[in-house]
Amino acid sequence: MGRSKERTVGERGQVTLPKELREKLGIDGGDEVLVHEEGGKITIEKPMSREEIAEGYRQYAADAEALEAEMAGVSRESNDHLGDSPEW
């Protein structure tokens, strides 16, 4: 966990995020952030963009295709080595 920075909560509940953190996470003025509580802690995070979500799905699909191809190869290898399975 990084260094903590103490901030004062304004009358309307506003808190200014430290410049270093905004720059590091790419948060600019006017951007939306997610705020939630868990286990007595408040977390602020930058939401994923639609493109980041789409890229995650593309990667998942590519990984699934690669696994399917690998499993088909393993199945062929075992059939070649063991022959067809006997009828039980």
N, C-alpha and C. Protein backbone atom coordinates (compact mmCIF):
# COMPACT_ATOMS: atom_id res chain seq x y z
N MET A 1 0.85 -1.18 0.00
CA MET A 1 0.00 0.00 0.00
C MET A 1 0.89 1.23 0.00
N GLY A 2 0.52 2.23 -0.80
CA GLY A 2 1.30 3.45 -0.91
C GLY A 2 1.19 4.32 0.33
N ARG A 3 1.93 5.41 0.29
CA ARG A 3 1.92 6.35 1.40
C ARG A 3 0.56 7.01 1.54
N SER A 4 0.09 7.16 2.75
CA SER A 4 -1.20 7.80 3.01
C SER A 4 -1.03 9.31 2.99
N LYS A 5 -2.07 9.99 2.53
CA LYS A 5 -2.09 11.45 2.53
C LYS A 5 -3.34 11.88 3.26
N GLU A 6 -3.18 12.62 4.33
CA GLU A 6 -4.33 13.08 5.10
C GLU A 6 -5.01 14.24 4.38
N ARG A 7 -6.33 14.18 4.31
CA ARG A 7 -7.13 15.21 3.65
C ARG A 7 -8.26 15.61 4.58
N THR A 8 -8.75 16.82 4.40
CA THR A 8 -9.88 17.33 5.17
C THR A 8 -11.14 17.19 4.33
N VAL A 9 -12.20 16.71 4.95
CA VAL A 9 -13.49 16.58 4.27
C VAL A 9 -14.20 17.92 4.39
N GLY A 10 -14.63 18.46 3.26
CA GLY A 10 -15.33 19.75 3.23
C GLY A 10 -16.75 19.62 3.76
N GLU A 11 -17.41 20.75 3.89
CA GLU A 11 -18.78 20.82 4.42
C GLU A 11 -19.75 19.92 3.66
N ARG A 12 -19.56 19.80 2.34
CA ARG A 12 -20.45 19.00 1.51
C ARG A 12 -19.91 17.59 1.27
N GLY A 13 -18.92 17.17 2.05
CA GLY A 13 -18.39 15.82 1.93
C GLY A 13 -17.32 15.67 0.85
N GLN A 14 -16.84 16.77 0.30
CA GLN A 14 -15.85 16.71 -0.76
C GLN A 14 -14.45 16.53 -0.21
N VAL A 15 -13.65 15.74 -0.96
CA VAL A 15 -12.25 15.51 -0.63
C VAL A 15 -11.44 15.71 -1.91
N THR A 16 -10.34 16.41 -1.83
CA THR A 16 -9.47 16.59 -2.99
C THR A 16 -8.48 15.44 -3.05
N LEU A 17 -8.43 14.78 -4.21
CA LEU A 17 -7.48 13.69 -4.40
C LEU A 17 -6.09 14.28 -4.66
N PRO A 18 -5.05 13.71 -4.05
CA PRO A 18 -3.70 14.23 -4.28
C PRO A 18 -3.33 14.20 -5.76
N LYS A 19 -2.65 15.25 -6.21
CA LYS A 19 -2.25 15.38 -7.61
C LYS A 19 -1.46 14.17 -8.09
N GLU A 20 -0.55 13.67 -7.27
CA GLU A 20 0.28 12.53 -7.66
C GLU A 20 -0.58 11.31 -7.98
N LEU A 21 -1.63 11.09 -7.18
CA LEU A 21 -2.51 9.94 -7.41
C LEU A 21 -3.36 10.14 -8.66
N ARG A 22 -3.88 11.37 -8.85
CA ARG A 22 -4.67 11.65 -10.04
C ARG A 22 -3.84 11.43 -11.30
N GLU A 23 -2.60 11.90 -11.29
CA GLU A 23 -1.73 11.72 -12.45
C GLU A 23 -1.39 10.25 -12.67
N LYS A 24 -1.07 9.56 -11.60
CA LYS A 24 -0.71 8.14 -11.69
C LYS A 24 -1.85 7.30 -12.27
N LEU A 25 -3.09 7.61 -11.86
CA LEU A 25 -4.24 6.83 -12.29
C LEU A 25 -4.96 7.42 -13.50
N GLY A 26 -4.48 8.56 -13.98
CA GLY A 26 -5.09 9.18 -15.15
C GLY A 26 -6.48 9.73 -14.88
N ILE A 27 -6.67 10.30 -13.71
CA ILE A 27 -7.96 10.90 -13.34
C ILE A 27 -7.85 12.40 -13.52
N ASP A 28 -8.72 12.94 -14.37
CA ASP A 28 -8.74 14.38 -14.63
C ASP A 28 -9.99 15.00 -14.02
N GLY A 29 -9.98 16.32 -13.85
CA GLY A 29 -11.15 17.03 -13.37
C GLY A 29 -12.36 16.73 -14.26
N GLY A 30 -13.48 16.44 -13.66
CA GLY A 30 -14.69 16.12 -14.41
C GLY A 30 -14.87 14.63 -14.66
N ASP A 31 -13.83 13.82 -14.45
CA ASP A 31 -13.95 12.36 -14.62
C ASP A 31 -14.83 11.78 -13.53
N GLU A 32 -15.50 10.69 -13.86
CA GLU A 32 -16.28 9.96 -12.86
C GLU A 32 -15.38 8.94 -12.18
N VAL A 33 -15.64 8.70 -10.91
CA VAL A 33 -14.93 7.68 -10.15
C VAL A 33 -15.96 6.82 -9.42
N LEU A 34 -15.56 5.62 -9.05
CA LEU A 34 -16.42 4.74 -8.26
C LEU A 34 -16.04 4.90 -6.79
N VAL A 35 -17.04 5.05 -5.93
CA VAL A 35 -16.81 5.19 -4.50
C VAL A 35 -17.63 4.12 -3.80
N HIS A 36 -16.96 3.28 -2.99
CA HIS A 36 -17.70 2.27 -2.26
C HIS A 36 -17.04 2.00 -0.91
N GLU A 37 -17.82 1.41 -0.03
CA GLU A 37 -17.36 1.08 1.33
C GLU A 37 -17.29 -0.43 1.45
N GLU A 38 -16.21 -0.88 2.06
CA GLU A 38 -16.06 -2.31 2.31
C GLU A 38 -15.20 -2.49 3.55
N GLY A 39 -15.74 -3.18 4.52
CA GLY A 39 -14.98 -3.45 5.75
C GLY A 39 -14.57 -2.19 6.49
N GLY A 40 -15.43 -1.17 6.45
CA GLY A 40 -15.13 0.05 7.19
C GLY A 40 -14.16 0.98 6.47
N LYS A 41 -13.81 0.69 5.21
CA LYS A 41 -12.90 1.53 4.44
C LYS A 41 -13.64 2.08 3.22
N ILE A 42 -13.36 3.32 2.88
CA ILE A 42 -13.93 3.93 1.68
C ILE A 42 -12.88 3.80 0.58
N THR A 43 -13.30 3.28 -0.58
CA THR A 43 -12.40 3.11 -1.71
C THR A 43 -12.88 3.97 -2.86
N ILE A 44 -11.93 4.66 -3.49
CA ILE A 44 -12.22 5.45 -4.69
C ILE A 44 -11.38 4.85 -5.80
N GLU A 45 -12.03 4.52 -6.93
CA GLU A 45 -11.27 3.95 -8.04
C GLU A 45 -11.78 4.46 -9.37
N LYS A 46 -10.90 4.44 -10.34
CA LYS A 46 -11.26 4.85 -11.69
C LYS A 46 -12.01 3.70 -12.34
N PRO A 47 -13.20 3.95 -12.89
CA PRO A 47 -13.94 2.87 -13.55
C PRO A 47 -13.25 2.47 -14.85
N MET A 48 -13.50 1.23 -15.27
CA MET A 48 -12.96 0.76 -16.53
C MET A 48 -13.75 1.39 -17.67
N SER A 49 -13.05 1.74 -18.74
CA SER A 49 -13.72 2.28 -19.92
C SER A 49 -14.37 1.14 -20.70
N ARG A 50 -15.28 1.49 -21.59
CA ARG A 50 -15.91 0.46 -22.44
C ARG A 50 -14.85 -0.29 -23.24
N GLU A 51 -13.83 0.44 -23.70
CA GLU A 51 -12.77 -0.20 -24.49
C GLU A 51 -11.97 -1.19 -23.62
N GLU A 52 -11.70 -0.83 -22.37
CA GLU A 52 -10.97 -1.75 -21.48
C GLU A 52 -11.80 -3.00 -21.20
N ILE A 53 -13.12 -2.83 -21.04
CA ILE A 53 -14.00 -3.98 -20.83
C ILE A 53 -14.04 -4.85 -22.07
N ALA A 54 -14.17 -4.21 -23.24
CA ALA A 54 -14.20 -4.96 -24.50
C ALA A 54 -12.90 -5.72 -24.71
N GLU A 55 -11.77 -5.10 -24.39
CA GLU A 55 -10.47 -5.77 -24.53
C GLU A 55 -10.39 -6.97 -23.60
N GLY A 56 -10.94 -6.86 -22.40
CA GLY A 56 -10.97 -7.99 -21.48
C GLY A 56 -11.76 -9.16 -22.06
N TYR A 57 -12.91 -8.87 -22.67
CA TYR A 57 -13.70 -9.93 -23.30
C TYR A 57 -12.96 -10.54 -24.49
N ARG A 58 -12.29 -9.68 -25.30
CA ARG A 58 -11.53 -10.21 -26.44
C ARG A 58 -10.42 -11.14 -25.96
N GLN A 59 -9.73 -10.75 -24.90
CA GLN A 59 -8.65 -11.59 -24.37
C GLN A 59 -9.19 -12.90 -23.81
N TYR A 60 -10.34 -12.83 -23.12
CA TYR A 60 -10.97 -14.04 -22.59
C TYR A 60 -11.32 -15.00 -23.72
N ALA A 61 -11.89 -14.46 -24.82
CA ALA A 61 -12.25 -15.30 -25.96
C ALA A 61 -11.01 -15.91 -26.60
N ALA A 62 -9.94 -15.14 -26.74
CA ALA A 62 -8.70 -15.66 -27.32
C ALA A 62 -8.11 -16.75 -26.44
N ASP A 63 -8.14 -16.54 -25.13
CA ASP A 63 -7.63 -17.56 -24.21
C ASP A 63 -8.46 -18.84 -24.30
N ALA A 64 -9.79 -18.70 -24.41
CA ALA A 64 -10.67 -19.87 -24.51
C ALA A 64 -10.40 -20.63 -25.80
N GLU A 65 -10.19 -19.92 -26.90
CA GLU A 65 -9.88 -20.57 -28.18
C GLU A 65 -8.55 -21.31 -28.10
N ALA A 66 -7.55 -20.68 -27.48
CA ALA A 66 -6.24 -21.32 -27.34
C ALA A 66 -6.34 -22.59 -26.49
N LEU A 67 -7.12 -22.54 -25.42
CA LEU A 67 -7.30 -23.71 -24.56
C LEU A 67 -8.02 -24.82 -25.32
N GLU A 68 -9.05 -24.45 -26.08
CA GLU A 68 -9.79 -25.44 -26.86
C GLU A 68 -8.86 -26.12 -27.87
N ALA A 69 -8.02 -25.35 -28.55
CA ALA A 69 -7.08 -25.92 -29.52
C ALA A 69 -6.08 -26.84 -28.83
N GLU A 70 -5.59 -26.43 -27.66
CA GLU A 70 -4.64 -27.25 -26.91
C GLU A 70 -5.28 -28.57 -26.48
N MET A 71 -6.51 -28.49 -25.99
CA MET A 71 -7.20 -29.70 -25.54
C MET A 71 -7.48 -30.64 -26.71
N ALA A 72 -7.81 -30.10 -27.88
CA ALA A 72 -8.04 -30.94 -29.06
C ALA A 72 -6.75 -31.65 -29.44
N GLY A 73 -5.62 -30.94 -29.36
CA GLY A 73 -4.32 -31.55 -29.65
C GLY A 73 -3.98 -32.64 -28.67
N VAL A 74 -4.23 -32.42 -27.41
CA VAL A 74 -3.96 -33.43 -26.37
C VAL A 74 -4.84 -34.66 -26.60
N SER A 75 -6.09 -34.42 -26.96
CA SER A 75 -7.01 -35.53 -27.22
C SER A 75 -6.52 -36.36 -28.41
N ARG A 76 -6.08 -35.68 -29.49
CA ARG A 76 -5.55 -36.40 -30.65
C ARG A 76 -4.31 -37.20 -30.27
N GLU A 77 -3.42 -36.59 -29.50
CA GLU A 77 -2.19 -37.28 -29.08
C GLU A 77 -2.52 -38.52 -28.27
N SER A 78 -3.47 -38.41 -27.34
CA SER A 78 -3.80 -39.57 -26.52
C SER A 78 -4.47 -40.65 -27.36
N ASN A 79 -5.31 -40.27 -28.33
CA ASN A 79 -5.91 -41.26 -29.22
C ASN A 79 -4.84 -41.96 -30.06
N ASP A 80 -3.88 -41.19 -30.55
CA ASP A 80 -2.79 -41.77 -31.34
C ASP A 80 -1.96 -42.72 -30.49
N HIS A 81 -1.74 -42.38 -29.25
CA HIS A 81 -0.90 -43.19 -28.37
C HIS A 81 -1.67 -44.40 -27.83
N LEU A 82 -2.91 -44.19 -27.43
CA LEU A 82 -3.66 -45.24 -26.75
C LEU A 82 -4.63 -45.96 -27.68
N GLY A 83 -4.93 -45.37 -28.81
CA GLY A 83 -5.93 -45.94 -29.68
C GLY A 83 -7.31 -45.53 -29.19
N ASP A 84 -8.32 -46.00 -29.89
CA ASP A 84 -9.68 -45.68 -29.48
C ASP A 84 -9.97 -46.34 -28.14
N SER A 85 -10.82 -45.72 -27.36
CA SER A 85 -11.16 -46.28 -26.06
C SER A 85 -12.02 -47.54 -26.25
N PRO A 86 -11.79 -48.53 -25.42
CA PRO A 86 -12.58 -49.77 -25.55
C PRO A 86 -14.04 -49.54 -25.16
N GLU A 87 -14.89 -50.36 -25.69
CA GLU A 87 -16.29 -50.29 -25.30
C GLU A 87 -16.42 -50.97 -23.93
N TRP A 88 -17.00 -50.31 -23.00
CA TRP A 88 -17.15 -50.87 -21.65
C TRP A 88 -18.44 -51.52 -21.53
